[in-house]
Amino acid sequence: MIASRYARALFAEARLEGCEKEVYGHMGSLIDSFNKFNKNPQIGDYIFNPKIPAELRRRLVSAMCGAEKGSLVDRFTWLLLTNGRITYMKHIARIYCDIYRRANGIRNIAVTVADDRLGDLEELFGGTDVEIESRIDPSLIGGFICREGSKQIDASARGQLDKIAKKLCRTTLK
């Protein structure tokens, strides 16, 4: 609830300043950075630690997303820090990206593949109104899993093997 209010306010201000796309890029970079920091939680602890001076935390967040000092994202980060809401930053970034995509008719498709042999996924699935998030998961064995919103297509070897195993279990139990 709190994160969505801040995200909507950020989008409205970005629209007024004519920098929605720029902020969208920064929010995407911020999400990527936070995802990388899941492996190194000390960075997140640093950002969220109120004992660390707010100016240092603001500079770190701006560096994570490539925002310049005085930019809307930099000012927004300062607002979150001074209001004690910086812990919502990752959620705000995700919601902002969702709002931006809806407003601009952009579909977000997540494609998970077993290896990188599929080549250019953007060419396969893409267009100007589609964003592709690609992941590699060797446990799929082969094929791919494609997700858009709540819809999913599982064309992976692992998925097919799981279906066969379930059918065999039901057959042997009868």
N, C-alpha and C. Protein backbone atom coordinates (compact mmCIF):
# COMPACT_ATOMS: atom_id res chain seq x y z
N MET A 1 0.83 -1.19 0.00
CA MET A 1 0.00 0.00 0.00
C MET A 1 0.88 1.25 0.00
N ILE A 2 1.81 1.33 0.94
CA ILE A 2 2.69 2.50 1.03
C ILE A 2 3.55 2.60 -0.22
N ALA A 3 4.13 1.46 -0.63
CA ALA A 3 5.00 1.46 -1.81
C ALA A 3 4.24 1.90 -3.06
N SER A 4 3.01 1.44 -3.22
CA SER A 4 2.27 1.81 -4.43
C SER A 4 1.92 3.30 -4.44
N ARG A 5 1.65 3.87 -3.29
CA ARG A 5 1.38 5.32 -3.24
C ARG A 5 2.61 6.11 -3.66
N TYR A 6 3.76 5.73 -3.13
CA TYR A 6 4.99 6.42 -3.51
C TYR A 6 5.30 6.22 -4.99
N ALA A 7 5.09 5.00 -5.50
CA ALA A 7 5.36 4.73 -6.91
C ALA A 7 4.46 5.55 -7.82
N ARG A 8 3.18 5.63 -7.47
CA ARG A 8 2.25 6.45 -8.27
C ARG A 8 2.64 7.93 -8.23
N ALA A 9 3.05 8.39 -7.06
CA ALA A 9 3.47 9.80 -6.93
C ALA A 9 4.73 10.05 -7.75
N LEU A 10 5.67 9.11 -7.72
CA LEU A 10 6.90 9.25 -8.51
C LEU A 10 6.57 9.28 -10.00
N PHE A 11 5.66 8.41 -10.44
CA PHE A 11 5.28 8.38 -11.85
C PHE A 11 4.61 9.70 -12.25
N ALA A 12 3.73 10.19 -11.40
CA ALA A 12 3.04 11.46 -11.71
C ALA A 12 4.05 12.60 -11.83
N GLU A 13 4.99 12.66 -10.92
CA GLU A 13 6.01 13.72 -10.97
C GLU A 13 6.91 13.55 -12.19
N ALA A 14 7.27 12.31 -12.49
CA ALA A 14 8.11 12.05 -13.67
C ALA A 14 7.39 12.47 -14.94
N ARG A 15 6.09 12.22 -14.98
CA ARG A 15 5.30 12.63 -16.14
C ARG A 15 5.27 14.15 -16.26
N LEU A 16 5.11 14.85 -15.13
CA LEU A 16 5.12 16.32 -15.15
C LEU A 16 6.46 16.86 -15.64
N GLU A 17 7.55 16.21 -15.23
CA GLU A 17 8.88 16.66 -15.62
C GLU A 17 9.31 16.10 -16.97
N GLY A 18 8.49 15.20 -17.55
CA GLY A 18 8.81 14.63 -18.86
C GLY A 18 9.98 13.67 -18.84
N CYS A 19 10.18 12.97 -17.71
CA CYS A 19 11.32 12.07 -17.61
C CYS A 19 10.91 10.66 -17.18
N GLU A 20 9.69 10.23 -17.56
CA GLU A 20 9.20 8.91 -17.16
C GLU A 20 10.13 7.79 -17.62
N LYS A 21 10.59 7.89 -18.88
CA LYS A 21 11.45 6.83 -19.43
C LYS A 21 12.79 6.79 -18.71
N GLU A 22 13.34 7.94 -18.43
CA GLU A 22 14.62 8.01 -17.71
C GLU A 22 14.48 7.39 -16.31
N VAL A 23 13.40 7.76 -15.61
CA VAL A 23 13.17 7.21 -14.27
C VAL A 23 12.94 5.70 -14.37
N TYR A 24 12.24 5.26 -15.42
CA TYR A 24 12.01 3.84 -15.64
C TYR A 24 13.35 3.10 -15.76
N GLY A 25 14.27 3.66 -16.51
CA GLY A 25 15.60 3.06 -16.64
C GLY A 25 16.32 2.97 -15.30
N HIS A 26 16.23 4.06 -14.52
CA HIS A 26 16.87 4.07 -13.21
C HIS A 26 16.23 3.04 -12.26
N MET A 27 14.91 2.94 -12.31
CA MET A 27 14.23 1.98 -11.44
C MET A 27 14.60 0.54 -11.83
N GLY A 28 14.71 0.29 -13.13
CA GLY A 28 15.14 -1.04 -13.59
C GLY A 28 16.55 -1.37 -13.12
N SER A 29 17.44 -0.38 -13.20
CA SER A 29 18.82 -0.58 -12.72
C SER A 29 18.84 -0.83 -11.22
N LEU A 30 17.99 -0.12 -10.52
CA LEU A 30 17.91 -0.29 -9.06
C LEU A 30 17.42 -1.69 -8.70
N ILE A 31 16.42 -2.18 -9.41
CA ILE A 31 15.93 -3.54 -9.18
C ILE A 31 17.04 -4.56 -9.43
N ASP A 32 17.75 -4.39 -10.55
CA ASP A 32 18.87 -5.29 -10.86
C ASP A 32 19.92 -5.26 -9.76
N SER A 33 20.24 -4.06 -9.28
CA SER A 33 21.24 -3.93 -8.21
C SER A 33 20.78 -4.63 -6.94
N PHE A 34 19.53 -4.40 -6.55
CA PHE A 34 19.02 -5.07 -5.35
C PHE A 34 19.04 -6.59 -5.51
N ASN A 35 18.72 -7.08 -6.71
CA ASN A 35 18.75 -8.52 -6.94
C ASN A 35 20.17 -9.07 -6.80
N LYS A 36 21.15 -8.32 -7.27
CA LYS A 36 22.55 -8.74 -7.10
C LYS A 36 22.94 -8.73 -5.64
N PHE A 37 22.38 -7.78 -4.89
CA PHE A 37 22.75 -7.65 -3.47
C PHE A 37 22.11 -8.72 -2.60
N ASN A 38 21.17 -9.48 -3.16
CA ASN A 38 20.63 -10.60 -2.39
C ASN A 38 21.76 -11.55 -2.02
N LYS A 39 22.80 -11.59 -2.87
CA LYS A 39 23.96 -12.44 -2.59
C LYS A 39 24.90 -11.77 -1.60
N ASN A 40 24.78 -10.44 -1.46
CA ASN A 40 25.63 -9.68 -0.54
C ASN A 40 24.73 -8.75 0.27
N PRO A 41 24.07 -9.28 1.29
CA PRO A 41 23.08 -8.49 2.02
C PRO A 41 23.65 -7.31 2.80
N GLN A 42 24.98 -7.24 2.97
CA GLN A 42 25.55 -6.12 3.72
C GLN A 42 25.28 -4.78 3.04
N ILE A 43 25.20 -4.77 1.71
CA ILE A 43 24.93 -3.52 1.00
C ILE A 43 23.53 -3.02 1.37
N GLY A 44 22.55 -3.93 1.34
CA GLY A 44 21.19 -3.56 1.72
C GLY A 44 21.14 -3.08 3.16
N ASP A 45 21.89 -3.77 4.03
CA ASP A 45 21.94 -3.37 5.44
C ASP A 45 22.49 -1.95 5.56
N TYR A 46 23.45 -1.62 4.72
CA TYR A 46 24.05 -0.29 4.73
C TYR A 46 23.03 0.77 4.31
N ILE A 47 22.28 0.48 3.24
CA ILE A 47 21.29 1.43 2.73
C ILE A 47 20.17 1.65 3.74
N PHE A 48 19.75 0.59 4.40
CA PHE A 48 18.61 0.66 5.31
C PHE A 48 18.98 1.02 6.74
N ASN A 49 20.26 1.15 7.03
CA ASN A 49 20.73 1.42 8.40
C ASN A 49 20.59 2.91 8.72
N PRO A 50 19.70 3.28 9.64
CA PRO A 50 19.52 4.70 9.96
C PRO A 50 20.72 5.33 10.67
N LYS A 51 21.66 4.50 11.14
CA LYS A 51 22.85 5.05 11.79
C LYS A 51 23.86 5.59 10.78
N ILE A 52 23.75 5.14 9.54
CA ILE A 52 24.62 5.64 8.47
C ILE A 52 24.03 6.97 8.01
N PRO A 53 24.86 7.99 7.84
CA PRO A 53 24.33 9.30 7.40
C PRO A 53 23.50 9.18 6.11
N ALA A 54 22.38 9.86 6.10
CA ALA A 54 21.45 9.79 4.98
C ALA A 54 22.11 10.20 3.66
N GLU A 55 22.99 11.18 3.70
CA GLU A 55 23.64 11.64 2.46
C GLU A 55 24.48 10.51 1.84
N LEU A 56 25.16 9.73 2.65
CA LEU A 56 25.96 8.61 2.12
C LEU A 56 25.04 7.54 1.51
N ARG A 57 23.94 7.28 2.18
CA ARG A 57 23.00 6.28 1.66
C ARG A 57 22.36 6.77 0.37
N ARG A 58 22.08 8.06 0.29
CA ARG A 58 21.51 8.64 -0.93
C ARG A 58 22.48 8.49 -2.09
N ARG A 59 23.75 8.78 -1.83
CA ARG A 59 24.76 8.65 -2.89
C ARG A 59 24.90 7.21 -3.36
N LEU A 60 24.81 6.27 -2.43
CA LEU A 60 24.90 4.85 -2.79
C LEU A 60 23.73 4.44 -3.68
N VAL A 61 22.52 4.83 -3.31
CA VAL A 61 21.34 4.49 -4.12
C VAL A 61 21.45 5.13 -5.50
N SER A 62 21.87 6.39 -5.55
CA SER A 62 22.02 7.06 -6.85
C SER A 62 23.07 6.37 -7.71
N ALA A 63 24.15 5.92 -7.09
CA ALA A 63 25.19 5.21 -7.83
C ALA A 63 24.67 3.86 -8.34
N MET A 64 23.85 3.20 -7.53
CA MET A 64 23.30 1.89 -7.91
C MET A 64 22.45 1.99 -9.17
N CYS A 65 21.75 3.10 -9.34
CA CYS A 65 20.84 3.21 -10.48
C CYS A 65 21.32 4.20 -11.54
N GLY A 66 22.45 4.85 -11.29
CA GLY A 66 22.99 5.77 -12.29
C GLY A 66 22.33 7.13 -12.32
N ALA A 67 21.63 7.50 -11.25
CA ALA A 67 20.96 8.80 -11.21
C ALA A 67 21.95 9.90 -10.84
N GLU A 68 21.81 11.03 -11.49
CA GLU A 68 22.67 12.17 -11.20
C GLU A 68 22.15 12.94 -9.99
N LYS A 69 23.07 13.62 -9.33
CA LYS A 69 22.69 14.44 -8.19
C LYS A 69 21.71 15.52 -8.66
N GLY A 70 20.63 15.67 -7.92
CA GLY A 70 19.61 16.66 -8.25
C GLY A 70 18.53 16.15 -9.19
N SER A 71 18.71 14.94 -9.73
CA SER A 71 17.68 14.37 -10.62
C SER A 71 16.45 13.99 -9.79
N LEU A 72 15.38 13.70 -10.48
CA LEU A 72 14.15 13.31 -9.79
C LEU A 72 14.38 12.08 -8.91
N VAL A 73 15.11 11.09 -9.42
CA VAL A 73 15.36 9.88 -8.64
C VAL A 73 16.19 10.20 -7.40
N ASP A 74 17.16 11.07 -7.56
CA ASP A 74 17.99 11.48 -6.42
C ASP A 74 17.15 12.21 -5.38
N ARG A 75 16.29 13.12 -5.81
CA ARG A 75 15.41 13.85 -4.88
C ARG A 75 14.40 12.90 -4.23
N PHE A 76 13.90 11.96 -5.01
CA PHE A 76 12.95 10.99 -4.48
C PHE A 76 13.61 10.11 -3.41
N THR A 77 14.84 9.69 -3.67
CA THR A 77 15.59 8.89 -2.70
C THR A 77 15.73 9.67 -1.40
N TRP A 78 16.04 10.96 -1.52
CA TRP A 78 16.18 11.81 -0.32
C TRP A 78 14.86 11.88 0.44
N LEU A 79 13.75 12.00 -0.28
CA LEU A 79 12.43 12.02 0.34
C LEU A 79 12.19 10.73 1.14
N LEU A 80 12.51 9.59 0.53
CA LEU A 80 12.32 8.31 1.21
C LEU A 80 13.21 8.22 2.45
N LEU A 81 14.44 8.69 2.33
CA LEU A 81 15.35 8.65 3.48
C LEU A 81 14.86 9.53 4.62
N THR A 82 14.43 10.74 4.31
CA THR A 82 14.00 11.66 5.37
C THR A 82 12.67 11.25 5.99
N ASN A 83 11.84 10.51 5.23
CA ASN A 83 10.56 10.03 5.76
C ASN A 83 10.65 8.63 6.37
N GLY A 84 11.86 8.07 6.41
CA GLY A 84 12.04 6.74 6.97
C GLY A 84 11.39 5.64 6.14
N ARG A 85 11.31 5.85 4.83
CA ARG A 85 10.64 4.89 3.95
C ARG A 85 11.60 4.20 2.96
N ILE A 86 12.89 4.34 3.17
CA ILE A 86 13.86 3.80 2.21
C ILE A 86 13.75 2.28 2.08
N THR A 87 13.25 1.61 3.12
CA THR A 87 13.11 0.15 3.05
C THR A 87 12.11 -0.28 1.97
N TYR A 88 11.28 0.64 1.51
CA TYR A 88 10.30 0.34 0.47
C TYR A 88 10.86 0.55 -0.94
N MET A 89 12.10 0.98 -1.05
CA MET A 89 12.65 1.40 -2.34
C MET A 89 12.54 0.32 -3.42
N LYS A 90 12.90 -0.92 -3.11
CA LYS A 90 12.84 -1.98 -4.12
C LYS A 90 11.40 -2.20 -4.59
N HIS A 91 10.47 -2.21 -3.66
CA HIS A 91 9.06 -2.42 -4.03
C HIS A 91 8.53 -1.23 -4.83
N ILE A 92 8.92 -0.04 -4.45
CA ILE A 92 8.51 1.15 -5.20
C ILE A 92 9.04 1.07 -6.63
N ALA A 93 10.29 0.66 -6.77
CA ALA A 93 10.89 0.54 -8.10
C ALA A 93 10.12 -0.46 -8.96
N ARG A 94 9.77 -1.60 -8.39
CA ARG A 94 9.02 -2.61 -9.16
C ARG A 94 7.64 -2.09 -9.56
N ILE A 95 6.97 -1.45 -8.64
CA ILE A 95 5.63 -0.93 -8.93
C ILE A 95 5.72 0.18 -9.97
N TYR A 96 6.72 1.05 -9.85
CA TYR A 96 6.90 2.11 -10.85
C TYR A 96 7.05 1.49 -12.24
N CYS A 97 7.88 0.45 -12.35
CA CYS A 97 8.10 -0.20 -13.64
C CYS A 97 6.80 -0.78 -14.19
N ASP A 98 6.00 -1.37 -13.31
CA ASP A 98 4.69 -1.90 -13.75
C ASP A 98 3.79 -0.77 -14.25
N ILE A 99 3.75 0.32 -13.52
CA ILE A 99 2.93 1.47 -13.92
C ILE A 99 3.39 2.00 -15.28
N TYR A 100 4.70 2.14 -15.44
CA TYR A 100 5.26 2.66 -16.69
C TYR A 100 4.90 1.74 -17.86
N ARG A 101 5.05 0.42 -17.65
CA ARG A 101 4.73 -0.52 -18.73
C ARG A 101 3.25 -0.44 -19.11
N ARG A 102 2.37 -0.39 -18.11
CA ARG A 102 0.93 -0.29 -18.41
C ARG A 102 0.63 0.99 -19.17
N ALA A 103 1.21 2.10 -18.74
CA ALA A 103 0.94 3.40 -19.37
C ALA A 103 1.45 3.45 -20.81
N ASN A 104 2.47 2.66 -21.10
CA ASN A 104 3.08 2.70 -22.43
C ASN A 104 2.81 1.44 -23.26
N GLY A 105 1.91 0.59 -22.78
CA GLY A 105 1.54 -0.60 -23.54
C GLY A 105 2.68 -1.57 -23.75
N ILE A 106 3.56 -1.68 -22.79
CA ILE A 106 4.72 -2.58 -22.91
C ILE A 106 4.41 -3.88 -22.17
N ARG A 107 4.58 -4.99 -22.87
CA ARG A 107 4.41 -6.30 -22.25
C ARG A 107 5.76 -6.77 -21.72
N ASN A 108 5.75 -7.36 -20.54
CA ASN A 108 6.97 -7.88 -19.93
C ASN A 108 6.88 -9.40 -19.93
N ILE A 109 7.81 -10.03 -20.62
CA ILE A 109 7.81 -11.49 -20.74
C ILE A 109 9.10 -12.02 -20.13
N ALA A 110 8.97 -12.96 -19.21
CA ALA A 110 10.12 -13.62 -18.60
C ALA A 110 10.30 -14.97 -19.27
N VAL A 111 11.48 -15.19 -19.83
CA VAL A 111 11.77 -16.45 -20.51
C VAL A 111 12.95 -17.10 -19.78
N THR A 112 12.72 -18.33 -19.33
CA THR A 112 13.77 -19.10 -18.69
C THR A 112 14.15 -20.23 -19.63
N VAL A 113 15.44 -20.34 -19.93
CA VAL A 113 15.93 -21.37 -20.85
C VAL A 113 16.96 -22.23 -20.15
N ALA A 114 17.20 -23.42 -20.71
CA ALA A 114 18.16 -24.34 -20.12
C ALA A 114 19.60 -23.87 -20.36
N ASP A 115 19.84 -23.26 -21.49
CA ASP A 115 21.17 -22.74 -21.81
C ASP A 115 21.00 -21.57 -22.77
N ASP A 116 22.09 -20.98 -23.19
CA ASP A 116 22.00 -19.77 -24.02
C ASP A 116 22.01 -20.07 -25.52
N ARG A 117 21.67 -21.29 -25.91
CA ARG A 117 21.68 -21.64 -27.33
C ARG A 117 20.48 -21.13 -28.11
N LEU A 118 19.47 -20.61 -27.43
CA LEU A 118 18.31 -20.10 -28.16
C LEU A 118 18.62 -18.83 -28.93
N GLY A 119 19.72 -18.19 -28.63
CA GLY A 119 20.10 -17.00 -29.37
C GLY A 119 19.39 -15.75 -28.88
N ASP A 120 19.04 -14.90 -29.82
CA ASP A 120 18.45 -13.61 -29.49
C ASP A 120 16.97 -13.76 -29.17
N LEU A 121 16.66 -13.77 -27.88
CA LEU A 121 15.27 -13.94 -27.45
C LEU A 121 14.41 -12.75 -27.86
N GLU A 122 15.00 -11.57 -27.91
CA GLU A 122 14.25 -10.38 -28.30
C GLU A 122 13.73 -10.55 -29.74
N GLU A 123 14.55 -11.12 -30.60
CA GLU A 123 14.14 -11.33 -31.99
C GLU A 123 13.05 -12.40 -32.06
N LEU A 124 13.17 -13.42 -31.21
CA LEU A 124 12.21 -14.52 -31.21
C LEU A 124 10.84 -14.09 -30.71
N PHE A 125 10.81 -13.37 -29.57
CA PHE A 125 9.55 -12.99 -28.93
C PHE A 125 9.19 -11.53 -29.12
N GLY A 126 10.17 -10.73 -29.53
CA GLY A 126 10.08 -9.31 -29.32
C GLY A 126 9.32 -8.47 -30.29
N GLY A 127 9.54 -7.23 -30.09
CA GLY A 127 8.92 -6.13 -30.80
C GLY A 127 9.18 -4.90 -29.97
N THR A 128 8.70 -3.78 -30.41
CA THR A 128 8.96 -2.55 -29.66
C THR A 128 8.13 -2.46 -28.40
N ASP A 129 7.04 -3.22 -28.33
CA ASP A 129 6.16 -3.16 -27.17
C ASP A 129 6.34 -4.36 -26.24
N VAL A 130 7.48 -5.02 -26.34
CA VAL A 130 7.75 -6.21 -25.52
C VAL A 130 9.13 -6.08 -24.90
N GLU A 131 9.20 -6.37 -23.60
CA GLU A 131 10.48 -6.46 -22.90
C GLU A 131 10.70 -7.91 -22.53
N ILE A 132 11.90 -8.39 -22.77
CA ILE A 132 12.22 -9.78 -22.47
C ILE A 132 13.19 -9.81 -21.29
N GLU A 133 12.82 -10.55 -20.26
CA GLU A 133 13.74 -10.84 -19.16
C GLU A 133 14.16 -12.28 -19.34
N SER A 134 15.42 -12.51 -19.61
CA SER A 134 15.87 -13.88 -19.83
C SER A 134 16.69 -14.38 -18.65
N ARG A 135 16.49 -15.65 -18.34
CA ARG A 135 17.23 -16.32 -17.27
C ARG A 135 17.69 -17.67 -17.80
N ILE A 136 18.77 -18.16 -17.25
CA ILE A 136 19.26 -19.49 -17.61
C ILE A 136 19.11 -20.38 -16.38
N ASP A 137 18.46 -21.53 -16.58
CA ASP A 137 18.27 -22.52 -15.51
C ASP A 137 18.58 -23.90 -16.10
N PRO A 138 19.79 -24.40 -15.88
CA PRO A 138 20.17 -25.69 -16.45
C PRO A 138 19.27 -26.85 -16.01
N SER A 139 18.56 -26.71 -14.89
CA SER A 139 17.70 -27.79 -14.42
C SER A 139 16.50 -28.02 -15.35
N LEU A 140 16.26 -27.11 -16.29
CA LEU A 140 15.17 -27.32 -17.26
C LEU A 140 15.51 -28.43 -18.25
N ILE A 141 16.77 -28.77 -18.36
CA ILE A 141 17.32 -29.79 -19.25
C ILE A 141 17.28 -29.32 -20.71
N GLY A 142 16.17 -28.82 -21.16
CA GLY A 142 16.02 -28.31 -22.52
C GLY A 142 14.72 -27.55 -22.62
N GLY A 143 14.54 -26.82 -23.70
CA GLY A 143 13.32 -26.06 -23.90
C GLY A 143 13.31 -24.75 -23.14
N PHE A 144 12.10 -24.28 -22.79
CA PHE A 144 11.99 -22.99 -22.12
C PHE A 144 10.69 -22.92 -21.32
N ILE A 145 10.63 -21.93 -20.42
CA ILE A 145 9.41 -21.55 -19.71
C ILE A 145 9.21 -20.07 -20.00
N CYS A 146 8.02 -19.73 -20.44
CA CYS A 146 7.71 -18.35 -20.80
C CYS A 146 6.57 -17.87 -19.89
N ARG A 147 6.78 -16.71 -19.24
CA ARG A 147 5.76 -16.14 -18.35
C ARG A 147 5.44 -14.71 -18.75
N GLU A 148 4.15 -14.42 -18.75
CA GLU A 148 3.69 -13.04 -18.91
C GLU A 148 2.55 -12.86 -17.91
N GLY A 149 2.79 -12.02 -16.92
CA GLY A 149 1.79 -11.84 -15.88
C GLY A 149 1.52 -13.14 -15.17
N SER A 150 0.25 -13.56 -15.14
CA SER A 150 -0.11 -14.81 -14.48
C SER A 150 -0.16 -15.99 -15.44
N LYS A 151 0.15 -15.77 -16.71
CA LYS A 151 0.13 -16.84 -17.71
C LYS A 151 1.52 -17.45 -17.83
N GLN A 152 1.55 -18.77 -18.02
CA GLN A 152 2.83 -19.45 -18.15
C GLN A 152 2.72 -20.58 -19.17
N ILE A 153 3.74 -20.69 -19.99
CA ILE A 153 3.87 -21.82 -20.91
C ILE A 153 5.14 -22.55 -20.53
N ASP A 154 5.00 -23.81 -20.18
CA ASP A 154 6.16 -24.62 -19.81
C ASP A 154 6.44 -25.60 -20.94
N ALA A 155 7.42 -25.28 -21.75
CA ALA A 155 7.84 -26.14 -22.85
C ALA A 155 9.23 -26.69 -22.57
N SER A 156 9.49 -26.95 -21.29
CA SER A 156 10.80 -27.47 -20.90
C SER A 156 10.77 -28.98 -20.80
N ALA A 157 11.94 -29.59 -20.95
CA ALA A 157 12.04 -31.04 -20.81
C ALA A 157 11.71 -31.44 -19.37
N ARG A 158 12.16 -30.65 -18.40
CA ARG A 158 11.86 -30.96 -17.01
C ARG A 158 10.35 -30.93 -16.77
N GLY A 159 9.66 -29.94 -17.32
CA GLY A 159 8.21 -29.85 -17.17
C GLY A 159 7.51 -31.05 -17.77
N GLN A 160 7.96 -31.48 -18.94
CA GLN A 160 7.36 -32.65 -19.58
C GLN A 160 7.61 -33.91 -18.77
N LEU A 161 8.83 -34.05 -18.23
CA LEU A 161 9.14 -35.21 -17.40
C LEU A 161 8.31 -35.21 -16.12
N ASP A 162 8.10 -34.03 -15.53
CA ASP A 162 7.27 -33.93 -14.33
C ASP A 162 5.83 -34.37 -14.62
N LYS A 163 5.30 -33.97 -15.77
CA LYS A 163 3.94 -34.37 -16.15
C LYS A 163 3.84 -35.89 -16.32
N ILE A 164 4.85 -36.47 -16.96
CA ILE A 164 4.86 -37.93 -17.16
C ILE A 164 4.92 -38.64 -15.81
N ALA A 165 5.76 -38.13 -14.91
CA ALA A 165 5.89 -38.75 -13.58
C ALA A 165 4.57 -38.68 -12.82
N LYS A 166 3.87 -37.57 -12.90
CA LYS A 166 2.57 -37.45 -12.22
C LYS A 166 1.54 -38.43 -12.80
N LYS A 167 1.54 -38.58 -14.13
CA LYS A 167 0.61 -39.52 -14.76
C LYS A 167 0.93 -40.94 -14.33
N LEU A 168 2.20 -41.26 -14.26
CA LEU A 168 2.60 -42.62 -13.85
C LEU A 168 2.18 -42.88 -12.41
N CYS A 169 2.34 -41.89 -11.55
CA CYS A 169 1.94 -42.04 -10.13
C CYS A 169 0.44 -42.26 -10.02
N ARG A 170 -0.34 -41.51 -10.78
CA ARG A 170 -1.81 -41.67 -10.73
C ARG A 170 -2.22 -43.04 -11.29
N THR A 171 -1.54 -43.48 -12.32
CA THR A 171 -1.87 -44.76 -12.95
C THR A 171 -1.55 -45.92 -12.01
N THR A 172 -0.42 -45.85 -11.35
CA THR A 172 -0.03 -46.95 -10.46
C THR A 172 -0.85 -46.97 -9.18
N LEU A 173 -1.42 -45.84 -8.78
CA LEU A 173 -2.23 -45.78 -7.57
C LEU A 173 -3.65 -46.32 -7.77
N LYS A 174 -4.10 -46.39 -9.02
CA LYS A 174 -5.48 -46.85 -9.31
C LYS A 174 -5.62 -48.30 -9.17
